[in-house]
Structure formats: structure tokens, C-alpha cells
Amino acid sequence: MHVRKNDTVQVIAGDDAGKTGKVLNVMTKDMRVVVEGINYIQKHVKRSEKNPQGGRMQKEAPVSSSNVLVICRNKNCEKNGKGVRVKQKLLENGDKVRACYKCGSEIIASE
């Protein structure tokens, strides 16, 4: 999958198109990601000891990974700060890394 946890991504489809956020969780089997501040849903919570007030709780729901693009942080790239497609780049030592499709610079997930 082209998206990893802690990546900053831009949503390209749906109600939240154009918004950016940090990836909180990646579901590789379902090809879905949970992005901070994107695709909020209302979850109805029953009153309990853990949640004495109950009511409605707002939380992020997963979106398809095909609807997000990783943001390129290279200052020299023409797509700096915008969503870019990601390609696999093979280094001389045999390691595979993710790279920006436009400028070829390595994409590293921020901690």
C-alpha cells in the first residue's frame, strides 16, 4: 500500500476532498485508512460506568486508500505541499523506498 501510518495525506474524493490530515491507522486487508479530522461519523453511545453521560460521540471513519494522495515535502518539487502519486524506487544497496512520482525524492513518514 502506498500510504503508511503518520503520513500526511490529501483527500481527493468524497465530501472531504481537498482537505489534508495525518494517517492514524492503516487497514491493509481492507485497503482503507483512518485520517485525522476526515470523514467524521456520529456514534451513539449507551450510558455506562465507562461513559456515564452517554449520547453521541464523533469519531473518524476509514476512507479508501485510493482516495488519498501522500503529500510531497521536497522544497524543489513543483508539487511541494500537494498530493502526489507514489512509486517504488530501488536503491543501490537493494532497499525499496517510496518516492515522489514528479521529483523522485524519497518520502519518509514523519513521527
N, C-alpha and C. Protein backbone atom coordinates (compact mmCIF):
# COMPACT_ATOMS: atom_id res chain seq x y z
N MET A 1 0.85 -1.18 0.00
CA MET A 1 0.00 0.00 0.00
C MET A 1 0.89 1.24 0.00
N HIS A 2 0.48 2.28 -0.69
CA HIS A 2 1.30 3.48 -0.84
C HIS A 2 1.22 4.44 0.35
N VAL A 3 0.34 4.16 1.30
CA VAL A 3 0.17 5.04 2.46
C VAL A 3 0.60 4.30 3.72
N ARG A 4 1.29 5.01 4.61
CA ARG A 4 1.72 4.43 5.88
C ARG A 4 1.27 5.32 7.03
N LYS A 5 1.31 4.75 8.23
CA LYS A 5 0.94 5.50 9.43
C LYS A 5 1.85 6.71 9.58
N ASN A 6 1.31 7.81 10.03
CA ASN A 6 1.98 9.10 10.26
C ASN A 6 2.28 9.87 8.97
N ASP A 7 1.87 9.38 7.80
CA ASP A 7 1.99 10.16 6.57
C ASP A 7 1.00 11.31 6.61
N THR A 8 1.35 12.41 5.98
CA THR A 8 0.40 13.49 5.77
C THR A 8 -0.18 13.30 4.39
N VAL A 9 -1.52 13.22 4.31
CA VAL A 9 -2.17 12.91 3.04
C VAL A 9 -3.22 13.96 2.70
N GLN A 10 -3.56 14.01 1.41
CA GLN A 10 -4.61 14.89 0.91
C GLN A 10 -5.73 14.01 0.37
N VAL A 11 -6.98 14.32 0.73
CA VAL A 11 -8.13 13.56 0.25
C VAL A 11 -8.51 14.11 -1.12
N ILE A 12 -8.72 13.22 -2.09
CA ILE A 12 -9.01 13.67 -3.45
C ILE A 12 -10.44 13.37 -3.89
N ALA A 13 -11.22 12.65 -3.08
CA ALA A 13 -12.59 12.30 -3.47
C ALA A 13 -13.49 12.30 -2.24
N GLY A 14 -14.77 12.53 -2.47
CA GLY A 14 -15.75 12.48 -1.38
C GLY A 14 -16.06 13.86 -0.83
N ASP A 15 -16.78 13.88 0.30
CA ASP A 15 -17.20 15.14 0.92
C ASP A 15 -16.03 15.97 1.42
N ASP A 16 -14.94 15.31 1.81
CA ASP A 16 -13.79 16.00 2.39
C ASP A 16 -12.68 16.22 1.36
N ALA A 17 -13.00 16.22 0.08
CA ALA A 17 -11.99 16.39 -0.97
C ALA A 17 -11.26 17.72 -0.80
N GLY A 18 -9.93 17.68 -0.90
CA GLY A 18 -9.11 18.87 -0.76
C GLY A 18 -8.54 19.06 0.63
N LYS A 19 -9.08 18.38 1.62
CA LYS A 19 -8.58 18.51 2.99
C LYS A 19 -7.36 17.63 3.20
N THR A 20 -6.52 18.04 4.15
CA THR A 20 -5.34 17.25 4.47
C THR A 20 -5.39 16.80 5.92
N GLY A 21 -4.67 15.73 6.22
CA GLY A 21 -4.62 15.22 7.58
C GLY A 21 -3.56 14.15 7.73
N LYS A 22 -3.33 13.76 8.97
CA LYS A 22 -2.32 12.76 9.29
C LYS A 22 -2.99 11.38 9.38
N VAL A 23 -2.34 10.36 8.84
CA VAL A 23 -2.87 8.99 8.87
C VAL A 23 -2.71 8.43 10.27
N LEU A 24 -3.83 8.02 10.89
CA LEU A 24 -3.81 7.47 12.24
C LEU A 24 -3.71 5.95 12.23
N ASN A 25 -4.34 5.31 11.24
CA ASN A 25 -4.40 3.85 11.21
C ASN A 25 -4.49 3.39 9.75
N VAL A 26 -3.81 2.29 9.44
CA VAL A 26 -3.84 1.71 8.09
C VAL A 26 -4.39 0.30 8.19
N MET A 27 -5.43 0.01 7.40
CA MET A 27 -6.03 -1.33 7.35
C MET A 27 -5.67 -1.95 6.00
N THR A 28 -4.57 -2.71 5.97
CA THR A 28 -4.05 -3.22 4.70
C THR A 28 -4.97 -4.24 4.04
N LYS A 29 -5.65 -5.07 4.82
CA LYS A 29 -6.55 -6.08 4.24
C LYS A 29 -7.72 -5.42 3.53
N ASP A 30 -8.27 -4.36 4.12
CA ASP A 30 -9.43 -3.68 3.56
C ASP A 30 -9.05 -2.55 2.62
N MET A 31 -7.74 -2.23 2.51
CA MET A 31 -7.25 -1.12 1.69
C MET A 31 -7.91 0.20 2.10
N ARG A 32 -7.97 0.45 3.41
CA ARG A 32 -8.59 1.66 3.95
C ARG A 32 -7.65 2.31 4.95
N VAL A 33 -7.81 3.62 5.15
CA VAL A 33 -7.00 4.37 6.10
C VAL A 33 -7.90 5.28 6.93
N VAL A 34 -7.50 5.52 8.18
CA VAL A 34 -8.20 6.48 9.03
C VAL A 34 -7.33 7.73 9.08
N VAL A 35 -7.92 8.87 8.69
CA VAL A 35 -7.19 10.13 8.61
C VAL A 35 -7.75 11.08 9.65
N GLU A 36 -6.85 11.75 10.37
CA GLU A 36 -7.23 12.68 11.43
C GLU A 36 -8.04 13.85 10.86
N GLY A 37 -9.25 14.04 11.40
CA GLY A 37 -10.09 15.17 11.01
C GLY A 37 -10.88 14.96 9.72
N ILE A 38 -10.88 13.75 9.17
CA ILE A 38 -11.55 13.47 7.90
C ILE A 38 -12.62 12.40 8.10
N ASN A 39 -13.76 12.56 7.42
CA ASN A 39 -14.83 11.57 7.38
C ASN A 39 -15.39 11.26 8.78
N TYR A 40 -15.84 12.31 9.46
CA TYR A 40 -16.42 12.14 10.80
C TYR A 40 -17.78 11.46 10.71
N ILE A 41 -18.06 10.57 11.69
CA ILE A 41 -19.37 9.94 11.82
C ILE A 41 -19.86 10.15 13.26
N GLN A 42 -21.17 10.02 13.45
CA GLN A 42 -21.76 10.11 14.78
C GLN A 42 -21.99 8.69 15.29
N LYS A 43 -21.36 8.36 16.41
CA LYS A 43 -21.56 7.04 17.03
C LYS A 43 -22.41 7.23 18.27
N HIS A 44 -23.51 6.51 18.36
CA HIS A 44 -24.41 6.61 19.51
C HIS A 44 -23.91 5.68 20.61
N VAL A 45 -23.62 6.25 21.78
CA VAL A 45 -23.03 5.50 22.88
C VAL A 45 -24.06 5.38 24.00
N LYS A 46 -24.27 4.15 24.47
CA LYS A 46 -25.20 3.90 25.56
C LYS A 46 -24.57 4.30 26.89
N ARG A 47 -25.37 4.76 27.81
CA ARG A 47 -24.90 5.15 29.13
C ARG A 47 -24.33 3.94 29.86
N SER A 48 -23.14 4.10 30.48
CA SER A 48 -22.50 3.00 31.20
C SER A 48 -21.58 3.60 32.26
N GLU A 49 -20.89 2.73 33.02
CA GLU A 49 -19.94 3.22 34.02
C GLU A 49 -18.77 3.93 33.34
N LYS A 50 -18.36 3.38 32.21
CA LYS A 50 -17.25 3.97 31.48
C LYS A 50 -17.62 5.33 30.88
N ASN A 51 -18.86 5.44 30.42
CA ASN A 51 -19.35 6.67 29.82
C ASN A 51 -20.69 7.02 30.50
N PRO A 52 -20.66 7.69 31.66
CA PRO A 52 -21.89 7.89 32.43
C PRO A 52 -22.92 8.79 31.75
N GLN A 53 -22.49 9.68 30.87
CA GLN A 53 -23.44 10.59 30.24
C GLN A 53 -24.09 9.96 29.01
N GLY A 54 -23.36 9.11 28.28
CA GLY A 54 -23.90 8.52 27.05
C GLY A 54 -24.02 9.58 25.97
N GLY A 55 -24.85 9.34 24.97
CA GLY A 55 -25.10 10.32 23.92
C GLY A 55 -24.37 9.98 22.63
N ARG A 56 -24.12 11.04 21.85
CA ARG A 56 -23.49 10.85 20.55
C ARG A 56 -22.01 11.22 20.62
N MET A 57 -21.19 10.39 20.01
CA MET A 57 -19.75 10.62 20.01
C MET A 57 -19.30 10.77 18.56
N GLN A 58 -18.45 11.75 18.31
CA GLN A 58 -17.96 11.97 16.96
C GLN A 58 -16.59 11.32 16.80
N LYS A 59 -16.39 10.54 15.73
CA LYS A 59 -15.11 9.89 15.50
C LYS A 59 -14.85 9.76 14.01
N GLU A 60 -13.57 9.52 13.67
CA GLU A 60 -13.19 9.38 12.27
C GLU A 60 -13.51 7.98 11.77
N ALA A 61 -14.04 7.90 10.58
CA ALA A 61 -14.30 6.61 9.93
C ALA A 61 -13.26 6.41 8.83
N PRO A 62 -12.97 5.17 8.49
CA PRO A 62 -11.95 4.92 7.45
C PRO A 62 -12.42 5.35 6.06
N VAL A 63 -11.46 5.74 5.23
CA VAL A 63 -11.70 6.06 3.82
C VAL A 63 -10.83 5.13 2.98
N SER A 64 -11.20 4.94 1.74
CA SER A 64 -10.43 4.08 0.85
C SER A 64 -9.06 4.69 0.58
N SER A 65 -8.03 3.86 0.54
CA SER A 65 -6.68 4.37 0.31
C SER A 65 -6.53 4.93 -1.10
N SER A 66 -7.41 4.55 -2.00
CA SER A 66 -7.35 5.09 -3.36
C SER A 66 -7.83 6.53 -3.42
N ASN A 67 -8.48 6.99 -2.36
CA ASN A 67 -8.98 8.36 -2.32
C ASN A 67 -8.05 9.34 -1.63
N VAL A 68 -6.82 8.92 -1.33
CA VAL A 68 -5.85 9.82 -0.69
C VAL A 68 -4.53 9.80 -1.46
N LEU A 69 -3.84 10.94 -1.43
CA LEU A 69 -2.51 11.08 -2.02
C LEU A 69 -1.55 11.55 -0.95
N VAL A 70 -0.35 11.00 -0.95
CA VAL A 70 0.69 11.41 0.00
C VAL A 70 1.20 12.79 -0.40
N ILE A 71 1.47 13.65 0.59
CA ILE A 71 1.96 15.00 0.32
C ILE A 71 3.48 14.99 0.22
N CYS A 72 4.01 15.59 -0.85
CA CYS A 72 5.45 15.69 -1.07
C CYS A 72 5.98 16.88 -0.27
N ARG A 73 7.09 16.67 0.46
CA ARG A 73 7.67 17.73 1.30
C ARG A 73 8.97 18.28 0.74
N ASN A 74 9.35 17.87 -0.47
CA ASN A 74 10.59 18.35 -1.08
C ASN A 74 10.39 19.80 -1.54
N LYS A 75 11.27 20.70 -1.09
CA LYS A 75 11.14 22.12 -1.40
C LYS A 75 11.31 22.40 -2.90
N ASN A 76 12.11 21.60 -3.60
CA ASN A 76 12.39 21.83 -5.01
C ASN A 76 11.34 21.24 -5.94
N CYS A 77 10.44 20.43 -5.42
CA CYS A 77 9.42 19.78 -6.24
C CYS A 77 8.33 20.78 -6.61
N GLU A 78 7.82 20.67 -7.84
CA GLU A 78 6.74 21.56 -8.27
C GLU A 78 5.44 21.26 -7.54
N LYS A 79 5.32 20.05 -6.96
CA LYS A 79 4.13 19.65 -6.22
C LYS A 79 4.33 19.76 -4.71
N ASN A 80 5.26 20.58 -4.26
CA ASN A 80 5.55 20.73 -2.84
C ASN A 80 4.28 21.14 -2.07
N GLY A 81 3.95 20.38 -1.05
CA GLY A 81 2.77 20.67 -0.23
C GLY A 81 1.47 20.18 -0.83
N LYS A 82 1.53 19.50 -1.96
CA LYS A 82 0.34 18.97 -2.61
C LYS A 82 0.43 17.46 -2.67
N GLY A 83 -0.68 16.82 -2.96
CA GLY A 83 -0.71 15.37 -3.07
C GLY A 83 -0.03 14.89 -4.33
N VAL A 84 0.75 13.83 -4.21
CA VAL A 84 1.45 13.24 -5.35
C VAL A 84 1.26 11.73 -5.36
N ARG A 85 1.39 11.14 -6.54
CA ARG A 85 1.40 9.69 -6.63
C ARG A 85 2.75 9.19 -6.13
N VAL A 86 2.77 7.96 -5.68
CA VAL A 86 3.98 7.39 -5.10
C VAL A 86 4.45 6.22 -5.95
N LYS A 87 5.76 6.14 -6.16
CA LYS A 87 6.33 5.00 -6.88
C LYS A 87 7.38 4.33 -6.00
N GLN A 88 7.67 3.07 -6.31
CA GLN A 88 8.72 2.33 -5.60
C GLN A 88 10.05 2.61 -6.29
N LYS A 89 11.05 2.96 -5.49
CA LYS A 89 12.37 3.25 -6.03
C LYS A 89 13.36 2.26 -5.42
N LEU A 90 14.20 1.67 -6.24
CA LEU A 90 15.18 0.70 -5.78
C LEU A 90 16.52 1.40 -5.58
N LEU A 91 17.05 1.36 -4.35
CA LEU A 91 18.33 1.97 -4.05
C LEU A 91 19.47 1.05 -4.46
N GLU A 92 20.69 1.60 -4.47
CA GLU A 92 21.86 0.82 -4.88
C GLU A 92 22.13 -0.37 -3.96
N ASN A 93 21.79 -0.22 -2.65
CA ASN A 93 22.03 -1.32 -1.71
C ASN A 93 20.92 -2.38 -1.74
N GLY A 94 19.92 -2.21 -2.61
CA GLY A 94 18.87 -3.21 -2.76
C GLY A 94 17.59 -2.90 -2.00
N ASP A 95 17.57 -1.82 -1.21
CA ASP A 95 16.38 -1.46 -0.45
C ASP A 95 15.36 -0.78 -1.36
N LYS A 96 14.08 -1.02 -1.07
CA LYS A 96 13.00 -0.34 -1.77
C LYS A 96 12.49 0.80 -0.90
N VAL A 97 12.30 1.98 -1.50
CA VAL A 97 11.76 3.13 -0.78
C VAL A 97 10.64 3.74 -1.61
N ARG A 98 9.76 4.48 -0.94
CA ARG A 98 8.71 5.21 -1.64
C ARG A 98 9.28 6.53 -2.13
N ALA A 99 8.90 6.94 -3.33
CA ALA A 99 9.42 8.18 -3.90
C ALA A 99 8.30 8.96 -4.58
N CYS A 100 8.46 10.29 -4.62
CA CYS A 100 7.53 11.17 -5.31
C CYS A 100 7.59 10.88 -6.81
N TYR A 101 6.45 10.80 -7.46
CA TYR A 101 6.41 10.47 -8.87
C TYR A 101 6.94 11.61 -9.73
N LYS A 102 6.80 12.87 -9.26
CA LYS A 102 7.24 14.03 -10.04
C LYS A 102 8.73 14.27 -9.93
N CYS A 103 9.25 14.36 -8.69
CA CYS A 103 10.65 14.76 -8.50
C CYS A 103 11.57 13.59 -8.16
N GLY A 104 11.02 12.46 -7.74
CA GLY A 104 11.83 11.29 -7.43
C GLY A 104 12.43 11.29 -6.04
N SER A 105 12.13 12.31 -5.22
CA SER A 105 12.70 12.36 -3.87
C SER A 105 12.01 11.35 -2.96
N GLU A 106 12.76 10.86 -1.98
CA GLU A 106 12.28 9.84 -1.07
C GLU A 106 11.21 10.41 -0.14
N ILE A 107 10.16 9.63 0.10
CA ILE A 107 9.08 10.03 1.01
C ILE A 107 9.25 9.27 2.30
N ILE A 108 9.40 10.01 3.40
CA ILE A 108 9.60 9.41 4.72
C ILE A 108 8.42 9.81 5.60
N ALA A 109 7.82 8.82 6.29
CA ALA A 109 6.71 9.11 7.20
C ALA A 109 7.25 9.86 8.41
N SER A 110 6.63 10.98 8.74
CA SER A 110 7.07 11.76 9.90
C SER A 110 6.56 11.12 11.18
N GLU A 111 7.35 11.20 12.23
CA GLU A 111 6.98 10.59 13.51
C GLU A 111 6.13 11.52 14.33
